[in-house]
Every structure is written in C-alpha cells, then in structure tokens.
Amino acid sequence: MLKKTILVTMSVASFSCFAASPTAHSIFATMNKRLSYMEDVALYKAQHHKAIEDLPREAVVIKKAGASAKQYHLNARSVERLTRAQINAAKAIQYRYRADLLTKTTKQTPKDLNKVVRPALIKLNNELNQELSAYLKTGHTIRNSDWQRFQATVNNRYLSRSDKRMLFNALEHVKR
C-alpha cells in the first residue's frame, strides 16, 4: 500500500512539474496579457489629464525589471531591453487608442492605474521573467520560427507589425 501511495505521489508530482513548464506560447500569452491593460491605462490618463509618456515612471519600471531579472537569473540588460520594447509598444497602443477617443465616446470606466493596473503589470512582469528563465534554462530559445505564433498570440488591435517585430526581436535577445 505504501509503495502504491509513493508511486502515485511521485507520478502526480512529476506530471505537475511537466505541466507547469513554460512554452514560447505561454511567454507570448503573458506578454499579450500585459499589453491588454494599455487601453485602460490610456483611458485613465485621458480622464485624469495625464500625459502618456512618463519618463520618470519608465525609468522606475526598467530599474525594477532589471532587479527582477537578477532574481530569476536572467541577464539584466537583456530584460531591460525587452522592458523598453514593451514600454514603447505600450505607448504606441495608448497613443493610438487616445486618437480613437477623439472621435468616439466611451462609457467605459478604466481600471484604477495605481490600485489595479500597476500591481497587475508588476505581477505580469515577474511572471514573464520567471517563464523566460525557466524556458531558457531548459535549453530553449525564442527563435525566428516562433514569429508566426508570436504574431497570432500578441494580438492587440493597436499594435502594428513593426511594433510586434520590435517586441519579438527583444525577446529573442533575452539571456540567462
């Protein structure tokens, strides 16, 4: 009986580890989820008369990304480069959405930037670093052959093909 219990426990534990292994697709999905908050950010900033570009805040985000990278044994500079690319893509989404707001009205209430959005973005940045670290640790890399999957997964309507290519190129350069 004890042997069966141990065998079942080991099987479940090994299956759980296998199921939790990140894939290129899961990394892309996490990035897409992060970018999905940008319309809320744009709307919040529009309703509160705030500029889209906030260079001091960007510097904080990049610095925290570097610290998070070290925690997950990633090369800090490569993660900072990825973070800059994500910030640029986020700003592109915000500017394009704000442009649409000039001709369209919305009754949508944005999520609170400080209480909801920023904590979610910090969590997603850490998840992205954790996934990238685990993925790279197993010998995988983001390769050009992943581009089609990336384009399909990172699907914000305000991202251009060149925005996506910038993000993908930064992902390709993330190292442990």
N, C-alpha and C. Protein backbone atom coordinates (compact mmCIF):
# COMPACT_ATOMS: atom_id res chain seq x y z
N MET A 1 0.82 -1.19 0.00
CA MET A 1 0.00 0.00 0.00
C MET A 1 0.87 1.26 0.00
N LEU A 2 1.89 1.26 0.84
CA LEU A 2 2.79 2.40 0.93
C LEU A 2 3.49 2.63 -0.40
N LYS A 3 3.90 1.54 -1.07
CA LYS A 3 4.56 1.67 -2.36
C LYS A 3 3.64 2.30 -3.39
N LYS A 4 2.36 1.91 -3.38
CA LYS A 4 1.39 2.47 -4.33
C LYS A 4 1.20 3.96 -4.07
N THR A 5 1.12 4.35 -2.80
CA THR A 5 0.94 5.76 -2.44
C THR A 5 2.13 6.58 -2.89
N ILE A 6 3.33 6.06 -2.66
CA ILE A 6 4.54 6.76 -3.08
C ILE A 6 4.58 6.88 -4.60
N LEU A 7 4.26 5.80 -5.30
CA LEU A 7 4.27 5.80 -6.75
C LEU A 7 3.27 6.81 -7.32
N VAL A 8 2.07 6.84 -6.77
CA VAL A 8 1.05 7.78 -7.23
C VAL A 8 1.50 9.22 -6.95
N THR A 9 2.04 9.46 -5.76
CA THR A 9 2.51 10.80 -5.39
C THR A 9 3.61 11.26 -6.32
N MET A 10 4.56 10.38 -6.61
CA MET A 10 5.66 10.74 -7.50
C MET A 10 5.15 11.00 -8.91
N SER A 11 4.20 10.21 -9.37
CA SER A 11 3.64 10.41 -10.71
C SER A 11 2.93 11.75 -10.82
N VAL A 12 2.12 12.08 -9.82
CA VAL A 12 1.40 13.35 -9.82
C VAL A 12 2.39 14.51 -9.75
N ALA A 13 3.39 14.40 -8.90
CA ALA A 13 4.39 15.47 -8.75
C ALA A 13 5.16 15.67 -10.05
N SER A 14 5.55 14.58 -10.69
CA SER A 14 6.32 14.73 -11.93
C SER A 14 5.43 15.26 -13.04
N PHE A 15 4.16 14.88 -13.07
CA PHE A 15 3.24 15.41 -14.07
C PHE A 15 3.02 16.90 -13.84
N SER A 16 2.89 17.32 -12.58
CA SER A 16 2.69 18.74 -12.27
C SER A 16 3.87 19.56 -12.73
N CYS A 17 5.08 19.06 -12.53
CA CYS A 17 6.27 19.79 -12.98
C CYS A 17 6.28 19.90 -14.49
N PHE A 18 5.89 18.80 -15.15
CA PHE A 18 5.86 18.80 -16.61
C PHE A 18 4.81 19.77 -17.13
N ALA A 19 3.65 19.77 -16.53
CA ALA A 19 2.56 20.62 -16.97
C ALA A 19 2.88 22.10 -16.77
N ALA A 20 3.69 22.42 -15.79
CA ALA A 20 3.99 23.81 -15.48
C ALA A 20 5.12 24.37 -16.32
N SER A 21 5.78 23.56 -17.13
CA SER A 21 6.89 24.05 -17.93
C SER A 21 6.40 25.09 -18.92
N PRO A 22 7.05 26.25 -18.93
CA PRO A 22 6.62 27.28 -19.87
C PRO A 22 6.97 26.92 -21.30
N THR A 23 6.21 27.46 -22.21
CA THR A 23 6.45 27.30 -23.64
C THR A 23 6.60 28.69 -24.25
N ALA A 24 7.06 28.74 -25.48
CA ALA A 24 7.13 30.03 -26.17
C ALA A 24 5.73 30.65 -26.20
N HIS A 25 4.73 29.82 -26.45
CA HIS A 25 3.35 30.33 -26.50
C HIS A 25 2.93 30.93 -25.16
N SER A 26 3.26 30.29 -24.05
CA SER A 26 2.86 30.83 -22.74
C SER A 26 3.58 32.15 -22.46
N ILE A 27 4.82 32.27 -22.91
CA ILE A 27 5.56 33.52 -22.77
C ILE A 27 4.88 34.62 -23.58
N PHE A 28 4.50 34.30 -24.81
CA PHE A 28 3.82 35.28 -25.66
C PHE A 28 2.47 35.67 -25.06
N ALA A 29 1.77 34.69 -24.50
CA ALA A 29 0.46 34.97 -23.90
C ALA A 29 0.60 35.90 -22.69
N THR A 30 1.64 35.71 -21.89
CA THR A 30 1.87 36.59 -20.75
C THR A 30 2.15 38.01 -21.22
N MET A 31 2.96 38.13 -22.26
CA MET A 31 3.23 39.46 -22.81
C MET A 31 1.94 40.09 -23.34
N ASN A 32 1.13 39.31 -24.02
CA ASN A 32 -0.13 39.83 -24.55
C ASN A 32 -1.05 40.28 -23.42
N LYS A 33 -1.09 39.52 -22.36
CA LYS A 33 -1.92 39.88 -21.22
C LYS A 33 -1.46 41.21 -20.62
N ARG A 34 -0.15 41.40 -20.54
CA ARG A 34 0.40 42.66 -20.03
C ARG A 34 -0.05 43.82 -20.91
N LEU A 35 0.06 43.64 -22.22
CA LEU A 35 -0.31 44.70 -23.15
C LEU A 35 -1.82 44.95 -23.17
N SER A 36 -2.60 43.98 -22.73
CA SER A 36 -4.06 44.15 -22.73
C SER A 36 -4.53 45.23 -21.75
N TYR A 37 -3.68 45.62 -20.84
CA TYR A 37 -4.04 46.68 -19.88
C TYR A 37 -3.86 48.09 -20.45
N MET A 38 -3.24 48.22 -21.60
CA MET A 38 -2.83 49.54 -22.08
C MET A 38 -3.99 50.44 -22.49
N GLU A 39 -5.09 49.88 -22.94
CA GLU A 39 -6.25 50.73 -23.24
C GLU A 39 -6.81 51.32 -21.94
N ASP A 40 -6.82 50.53 -20.88
CA ASP A 40 -7.25 51.06 -19.57
C ASP A 40 -6.31 52.18 -19.11
N VAL A 41 -5.02 51.98 -19.33
CA VAL A 41 -4.04 52.99 -18.95
C VAL A 41 -4.31 54.28 -19.74
N ALA A 42 -4.51 54.13 -21.03
CA ALA A 42 -4.76 55.31 -21.88
C ALA A 42 -6.03 56.04 -21.46
N LEU A 43 -7.09 55.28 -21.20
CA LEU A 43 -8.35 55.90 -20.80
C LEU A 43 -8.22 56.58 -19.45
N TYR A 44 -7.56 55.93 -18.51
CA TYR A 44 -7.32 56.54 -17.20
C TYR A 44 -6.55 57.85 -17.35
N LYS A 45 -5.49 57.81 -18.14
CA LYS A 45 -4.68 59.01 -18.32
C LYS A 45 -5.48 60.11 -19.02
N ALA A 46 -6.31 59.73 -19.99
CA ALA A 46 -7.13 60.73 -20.69
C ALA A 46 -8.12 61.38 -19.72
N GLN A 47 -8.78 60.56 -18.91
CA GLN A 47 -9.79 61.08 -17.99
C GLN A 47 -9.17 61.89 -16.85
N HIS A 48 -7.90 61.65 -16.56
CA HIS A 48 -7.22 62.36 -15.47
C HIS A 48 -6.21 63.39 -16.01
N HIS A 49 -6.30 63.67 -17.32
CA HIS A 49 -5.46 64.69 -17.96
C HIS A 49 -3.97 64.46 -17.70
N LYS A 50 -3.55 63.21 -17.89
CA LYS A 50 -2.15 62.85 -17.71
C LYS A 50 -1.54 62.52 -19.07
N ALA A 51 -0.27 62.83 -19.21
CA ALA A 51 0.44 62.52 -20.45
C ALA A 51 0.68 61.01 -20.56
N ILE A 52 0.72 60.53 -21.78
CA ILE A 52 1.02 59.12 -21.99
C ILE A 52 2.46 58.82 -21.61
N GLU A 53 3.36 59.65 -22.08
CA GLU A 53 4.77 59.42 -21.78
C GLU A 53 5.11 59.97 -20.41
N ASP A 54 5.68 59.10 -19.58
CA ASP A 54 6.07 59.45 -18.22
C ASP A 54 7.48 58.89 -18.00
N LEU A 55 8.47 59.65 -18.42
CA LEU A 55 9.85 59.17 -18.39
C LEU A 55 10.35 58.76 -17.01
N PRO A 56 10.02 59.52 -15.93
CA PRO A 56 10.45 59.06 -14.60
C PRO A 56 9.85 57.69 -14.23
N ARG A 57 8.58 57.48 -14.57
CA ARG A 57 7.93 56.19 -14.29
C ARG A 57 8.57 55.08 -15.12
N GLU A 58 8.88 55.37 -16.38
CA GLU A 58 9.53 54.39 -17.25
C GLU A 58 10.87 53.96 -16.66
N ALA A 59 11.62 54.92 -16.14
CA ALA A 59 12.92 54.61 -15.53
C ALA A 59 12.74 53.67 -14.34
N VAL A 60 11.70 53.90 -13.53
CA VAL A 60 11.42 53.03 -12.38
C VAL A 60 11.09 51.62 -12.86
N VAL A 61 10.25 51.52 -13.89
CA VAL A 61 9.83 50.22 -14.41
C VAL A 61 11.04 49.45 -14.96
N ILE A 62 11.90 50.14 -15.68
CA ILE A 62 13.10 49.49 -16.24
C ILE A 62 14.04 49.03 -15.13
N LYS A 63 14.21 49.87 -14.12
CA LYS A 63 15.08 49.50 -12.99
C LYS A 63 14.52 48.27 -12.26
N LYS A 64 13.22 48.26 -12.03
CA LYS A 64 12.60 47.11 -11.36
C LYS A 64 12.68 45.85 -12.22
N ALA A 65 12.58 46.02 -13.53
CA ALA A 65 12.71 44.86 -14.42
C ALA A 65 14.10 44.26 -14.34
N GLY A 66 15.12 45.12 -14.25
CA GLY A 66 16.49 44.63 -14.10
C GLY A 66 16.68 43.88 -12.80
N ALA A 67 16.09 44.40 -11.72
CA ALA A 67 16.18 43.72 -10.42
C ALA A 67 15.45 42.38 -10.45
N SER A 68 14.29 42.37 -11.08
CA SER A 68 13.53 41.12 -11.21
C SER A 68 14.30 40.11 -12.05
N ALA A 69 14.97 40.59 -13.09
CA ALA A 69 15.76 39.71 -13.95
C ALA A 69 16.82 38.98 -13.14
N LYS A 70 17.51 39.71 -12.29
CA LYS A 70 18.56 39.10 -11.45
C LYS A 70 17.96 38.04 -10.54
N GLN A 71 16.79 38.31 -10.00
CA GLN A 71 16.11 37.35 -9.12
C GLN A 71 15.86 36.03 -9.85
N TYR A 72 15.59 36.11 -11.15
CA TYR A 72 15.30 34.91 -11.94
C TYR A 72 16.49 34.45 -12.77
N HIS A 73 17.69 34.95 -12.44
CA HIS A 73 18.93 34.54 -13.10
C HIS A 73 18.93 34.86 -14.60
N LEU A 74 18.32 35.98 -14.95
CA LEU A 74 18.34 36.46 -16.32
C LEU A 74 19.33 37.60 -16.44
N ASN A 75 19.86 37.79 -17.62
CA ASN A 75 20.74 38.90 -17.89
C ASN A 75 19.93 40.19 -17.78
N ALA A 76 20.31 41.05 -16.85
CA ALA A 76 19.54 42.26 -16.57
C ALA A 76 19.43 43.17 -17.78
N ARG A 77 20.53 43.34 -18.50
CA ARG A 77 20.49 44.23 -19.67
C ARG A 77 19.53 43.73 -20.74
N SER A 78 19.50 42.43 -20.95
CA SER A 78 18.60 41.89 -21.97
C SER A 78 17.14 42.06 -21.55
N VAL A 79 16.86 41.94 -20.26
CA VAL A 79 15.50 42.14 -19.78
C VAL A 79 15.13 43.62 -19.80
N GLU A 80 16.09 44.47 -19.51
CA GLU A 80 15.83 45.92 -19.60
C GLU A 80 15.51 46.31 -21.04
N ARG A 81 16.22 45.70 -21.99
CA ARG A 81 15.94 45.96 -23.41
C ARG A 81 14.52 45.51 -23.74
N LEU A 82 14.14 44.34 -23.28
CA LEU A 82 12.78 43.84 -23.50
C LEU A 82 11.76 44.78 -22.86
N THR A 83 12.05 45.25 -21.68
CA THR A 83 11.13 46.15 -20.98
C THR A 83 10.97 47.46 -21.74
N ARG A 84 12.06 47.99 -22.27
CA ARG A 84 11.97 49.21 -23.08
C ARG A 84 11.08 48.96 -24.30
N ALA A 85 11.24 47.81 -24.92
CA ALA A 85 10.41 47.47 -26.09
C ALA A 85 8.95 47.38 -25.69
N GLN A 86 8.67 46.77 -24.53
CA GLN A 86 7.29 46.68 -24.06
C GLN A 86 6.72 48.06 -23.75
N ILE A 87 7.53 48.92 -23.16
CA ILE A 87 7.08 50.29 -22.87
C ILE A 87 6.77 51.02 -24.17
N ASN A 88 7.63 50.89 -25.16
CA ASN A 88 7.38 51.55 -26.45
C ASN A 88 6.11 51.03 -27.11
N ALA A 89 5.91 49.72 -27.05
CA ALA A 89 4.68 49.14 -27.61
C ALA A 89 3.47 49.62 -26.82
N ALA A 90 3.61 49.69 -25.50
CA ALA A 90 2.51 50.15 -24.65
C ALA A 90 2.14 51.60 -24.99
N LYS A 91 3.15 52.43 -25.20
CA LYS A 91 2.88 53.82 -25.57
C LYS A 91 2.21 53.90 -26.93
N ALA A 92 2.63 53.06 -27.88
CA ALA A 92 2.00 53.05 -29.20
C ALA A 92 0.52 52.71 -29.08
N ILE A 93 0.21 51.71 -28.27
CA ILE A 93 -1.19 51.33 -28.05
C ILE A 93 -1.95 52.51 -27.44
N GLN A 94 -1.37 53.12 -26.42
CA GLN A 94 -2.04 54.22 -25.73
C GLN A 94 -2.28 55.40 -26.67
N TYR A 95 -1.28 55.79 -27.44
CA TYR A 95 -1.44 56.92 -28.37
C TYR A 95 -2.52 56.62 -29.41
N ARG A 96 -2.52 55.42 -29.95
CA ARG A 96 -3.50 55.07 -30.98
C ARG A 96 -4.91 54.99 -30.40
N TYR A 97 -5.03 54.45 -29.21
CA TYR A 97 -6.34 54.39 -28.56
C TYR A 97 -6.82 55.80 -28.22
N ARG A 98 -5.92 56.62 -27.69
CA ARG A 98 -6.30 58.01 -27.37
C ARG A 98 -6.74 58.75 -28.64
N ALA A 99 -6.11 58.49 -29.76
CA ALA A 99 -6.52 59.10 -31.02
C ALA A 99 -7.94 58.68 -31.37
N ASP A 100 -8.27 57.41 -31.16
CA ASP A 100 -9.64 56.95 -31.40
C ASP A 100 -10.63 57.64 -30.48
N LEU A 101 -10.20 57.93 -29.26
CA LEU A 101 -11.10 58.59 -28.31
C LEU A 101 -11.47 60.02 -28.74
N LEU A 102 -10.69 60.59 -29.64
CA LEU A 102 -11.01 61.92 -30.14
C LEU A 102 -12.29 61.94 -30.97
N THR A 103 -12.62 60.81 -31.58
CA THR A 103 -13.79 60.74 -32.44
C THR A 103 -14.86 59.77 -31.95
N LYS A 104 -14.55 59.03 -30.90
CA LYS A 104 -15.51 58.06 -30.35
C LYS A 104 -15.69 58.35 -28.87
N THR A 105 -16.90 58.19 -28.42
CA THR A 105 -17.12 58.33 -26.98
C THR A 105 -17.17 56.94 -26.37
N THR A 106 -16.84 56.89 -25.10
CA THR A 106 -16.88 55.61 -24.40
C THR A 106 -17.50 55.83 -23.02
N LYS A 107 -18.26 54.87 -22.60
CA LYS A 107 -18.83 54.92 -21.26
C LYS A 107 -18.03 54.01 -20.32
N GLN A 108 -16.98 53.45 -20.86
CA GLN A 108 -16.13 52.54 -20.09
C GLN A 108 -15.43 53.30 -18.97
N THR A 109 -15.38 52.69 -17.82
CA THR A 109 -14.62 53.22 -16.70
C THR A 109 -13.30 52.46 -16.64
N PRO A 110 -12.19 53.18 -16.70
CA PRO A 110 -10.91 52.46 -16.68
C PRO A 110 -10.61 51.88 -15.31
N LYS A 111 -9.84 50.81 -15.32
CA LYS A 111 -9.35 50.26 -14.05
C LYS A 111 -8.43 51.30 -13.43
N ASP A 112 -8.42 51.37 -12.11
CA ASP A 112 -7.58 52.34 -11.41
C ASP A 112 -6.11 52.04 -11.68
N LEU A 113 -5.39 53.06 -12.12
CA LEU A 113 -4.00 52.90 -12.51
C LEU A 113 -3.12 52.46 -11.34
N ASN A 114 -3.29 53.07 -10.18
CA ASN A 114 -2.42 52.78 -9.04
C ASN A 114 -2.85 51.56 -8.24
N LYS A 115 -4.14 51.33 -8.14
CA LYS A 115 -4.63 50.23 -7.30
C LYS A 115 -4.79 48.90 -8.04
N VAL A 116 -5.04 48.96 -9.34
CA VAL A 116 -5.32 47.73 -10.09
C VAL A 116 -4.27 47.47 -11.16
N VAL A 117 -4.06 48.46 -12.03
CA VAL A 117 -3.24 48.22 -13.22
C VAL A 117 -1.77 48.02 -12.87
N ARG A 118 -1.18 48.95 -12.14
CA ARG A 118 0.26 48.81 -11.85
C ARG A 118 0.59 47.54 -11.08
N PRO A 119 -0.18 47.18 -10.05
CA PRO A 119 0.12 45.90 -9.39
C PRO A 119 0.01 44.71 -10.34
N ALA A 120 -0.97 44.74 -11.24
CA ALA A 120 -1.12 43.65 -12.21
C ALA A 120 0.07 43.62 -13.17
N LEU A 121 0.53 44.79 -13.59
CA LEU A 121 1.67 44.85 -14.51
C LEU A 121 2.95 44.35 -13.85
N ILE A 122 3.14 44.71 -12.59
CA ILE A 122 4.31 44.23 -11.85
C ILE A 122 4.27 42.70 -11.74
N LYS A 123 3.11 42.18 -11.42
CA LYS A 123 2.94 40.72 -11.32
C LYS A 123 3.23 40.06 -12.66
N LEU A 124 2.70 40.62 -13.73
CA LEU A 124 2.91 40.04 -15.06
C LEU A 124 4.37 40.15 -15.50
N ASN A 125 5.04 41.24 -15.15
CA ASN A 125 6.48 41.35 -15.46
C ASN A 125 7.27 40.25 -14.77
N ASN A 126 6.95 40.00 -13.50
CA ASN A 126 7.63 38.94 -12.77
C ASN A 126 7.31 37.57 -13.37
N GLU A 127 6.06 37.35 -13.75
CA GLU A 127 5.68 36.08 -14.39
C GLU A 127 6.44 35.90 -15.70
N LEU A 128 6.54 36.97 -16.46
CA LEU A 128 7.25 36.89 -17.74
C LEU A 128 8.72 36.53 -17.51
N ASN A 129 9.35 37.17 -16.54
CA ASN A 129 10.75 36.85 -16.23
C ASN A 129 10.89 35.42 -15.74
N GLN A 130 9.97 34.98 -14.92
CA GLN A 130 10.02 33.61 -14.40
C GLN A 130 9.87 32.61 -15.55
N GLU A 131 8.92 32.86 -16.44
CA GLU A 131 8.70 31.96 -17.58
C GLU A 131 9.92 31.95 -18.51
N LEU A 132 10.43 33.14 -18.80
CA LEU A 132 11.61 33.21 -19.67
C LEU A 132 12.79 32.47 -19.07
N SER A 133 13.01 32.65 -17.78
CA SER A 133 14.13 31.98 -17.13
C SER A 133 13.99 30.46 -17.20
N ALA A 134 12.82 29.97 -16.87
CA ALA A 134 12.59 28.52 -16.90
C ALA A 134 12.71 27.98 -18.32
N TYR A 135 12.19 28.71 -19.28
CA TYR A 135 12.24 28.28 -20.68
C TYR A 135 13.69 28.23 -21.18
N LEU A 136 14.44 29.29 -20.89
CA LEU A 136 15.83 29.33 -21.33
C LEU A 136 16.69 28.31 -20.59
N LYS A 137 16.37 28.08 -19.34
CA LYS A 137 17.15 27.13 -18.53
C LYS A 137 17.09 25.72 -19.13
N THR A 138 15.99 25.38 -19.78
CA THR A 138 15.86 24.05 -20.37
C THR A 138 16.53 23.94 -21.74
N GLY A 139 17.21 25.03 -22.15
CA GLY A 139 17.92 24.99 -23.42
C GLY A 139 17.12 25.54 -24.59
N HIS A 140 15.87 25.93 -24.34
CA HIS A 140 15.07 26.52 -25.40
C HIS A 140 15.45 27.98 -25.61
N THR A 141 15.15 28.49 -26.77
CA THR A 141 15.31 29.91 -27.05
C THR A 141 14.12 30.36 -27.88
N ILE A 142 13.89 31.66 -27.90
CA ILE A 142 12.90 32.22 -28.81
C ILE A 142 13.61 32.33 -30.15
N ARG A 143 13.03 31.68 -31.16
CA ARG A 143 13.67 31.62 -32.48
C ARG A 143 12.75 32.24 -33.53
N ASN A 144 13.34 32.56 -34.65
CA ASN A 144 12.57 33.14 -35.75
C ASN A 144 11.40 32.24 -36.15
N SER A 145 11.54 30.95 -35.96
CA SER A 145 10.45 30.03 -36.31
C SER A 145 9.24 30.22 -35.39
N ASP A 146 9.41 30.97 -34.28
CA ASP A 146 8.30 31.26 -33.37
C ASP A 146 7.52 32.51 -33.78
N TRP A 147 7.99 33.22 -34.79
CA TRP A 147 7.42 34.50 -35.19
C TRP A 147 5.92 34.42 -35.52
N GLN A 148 5.52 33.43 -36.29
CA GLN A 148 4.10 33.31 -36.66
C GLN A 148 3.23 33.13 -35.42
N ARG A 149 3.67 32.29 -34.52
CA ARG A 149 2.92 32.06 -33.28
C ARG A 149 2.86 33.35 -32.47
N PHE A 150 3.98 34.08 -32.40
CA PHE A 150 4.03 35.34 -31.67
C PHE A 150 3.01 36.32 -32.24
N GLN A 151 3.01 36.47 -33.56
CA GLN A 151 2.08 37.40 -34.20
C GLN A 151 0.62 37.06 -33.91
N ALA A 152 0.33 35.78 -33.88
CA ALA A 152 -1.04 35.35 -33.61
C ALA A 152 -1.43 35.54 -32.15
N THR A 153 -0.47 35.40 -31.26
CA THR A 153 -0.75 35.46 -29.82
C THR A 153 -0.76 36.89 -29.29
N VAL A 154 0.19 37.68 -29.71
CA VAL A 154 0.25 39.09 -29.29
C VAL A 154 -0.62 39.86 -30.27
N ASN A 155 -1.87 40.06 -29.88
CA ASN A 155 -2.87 40.46 -30.86
C ASN A 155 -3.63 41.75 -30.54
N ASN A 156 -3.03 42.65 -29.80
CA ASN A 156 -3.70 43.91 -29.54
C ASN A 156 -3.97 44.64 -30.85
N ARG A 157 -5.17 45.12 -31.02
CA ARG A 157 -5.59 45.75 -32.28
C ARG A 157 -4.78 47.01 -32.62
N TYR A 158 -4.15 47.62 -31.63
CA TYR A 158 -3.39 48.83 -31.87
C TYR A 158 -1.90 48.59 -32.11
N LEU A 159 -1.48 47.35 -32.11
CA LEU A 159 -0.07 47.05 -32.40
C LEU A 159 0.11 46.82 -33.89
N SER A 160 1.09 47.48 -34.45
CA SER A 160 1.43 47.27 -35.86
C SER A 160 2.37 46.08 -35.97
N ARG A 161 2.59 45.65 -37.19
CA ARG A 161 3.53 44.56 -37.44
C ARG A 161 4.93 44.96 -36.97
N SER A 162 5.31 46.22 -37.20
CA SER A 162 6.65 46.65 -36.77
C SER A 162 6.75 46.73 -35.25
N ASP A 163 5.66 47.07 -34.56
CA ASP A 163 5.65 47.04 -33.10
C ASP A 163 5.90 45.60 -32.62
N LYS A 164 5.21 44.67 -33.24
CA LYS A 164 5.36 43.26 -32.87
C LYS A 164 6.78 42.77 -33.15
N ARG A 165 7.33 43.19 -34.28
CA ARG A 165 8.69 42.75 -34.64
C ARG A 165 9.69 43.29 -33.61
N MET A 166 9.50 44.53 -33.16
CA MET A 166 10.39 45.12 -32.14
C MET A 166 10.32 44.29 -30.86
N LEU A 167 9.12 43.93 -30.43
CA LEU A 167 8.95 43.11 -29.22
C LEU A 167 9.60 41.74 -29.39
N PHE A 168 9.34 41.12 -30.53
CA PHE A 168 9.87 39.79 -30.79
C PHE A 168 11.40 39.80 -30.81
N ASN A 169 11.98 40.80 -31.47
CA ASN A 169 13.44 40.90 -31.53
C ASN A 169 14.02 41.04 -30.12
N ALA A 170 13.38 41.83 -29.27
CA ALA A 170 13.86 41.99 -27.89
C ALA A 170 13.74 40.67 -27.14
N LEU A 171 12.66 39.93 -27.36
CA LEU A 171 12.50 38.61 -26.73
C LEU A 171 13.59 37.65 -27.17
N GLU A 172 13.93 37.68 -28.44
CA GLU A 172 14.97 36.79 -28.96
C GLU A 172 16.31 37.01 -28.27
N HIS A 173 16.54 38.20 -27.76
CA HIS A 173 17.84 38.55 -27.16
C HIS A 173 17.90 38.37 -25.65
N VAL A 174 16.81 37.94 -25.03
CA VAL A 174 16.85 37.71 -23.59
C VAL A 174 17.71 36.49 -23.31
N LYS A 175 18.62 36.66 -22.35
CA LYS A 175 19.57 35.59 -22.00
C LYS A 175 19.55 35.36 -20.50
N ARG A 176 20.02 34.19 -20.12
CA ARG A 176 20.22 33.87 -18.68
C ARG A 176 21.60 34.32 -18.30
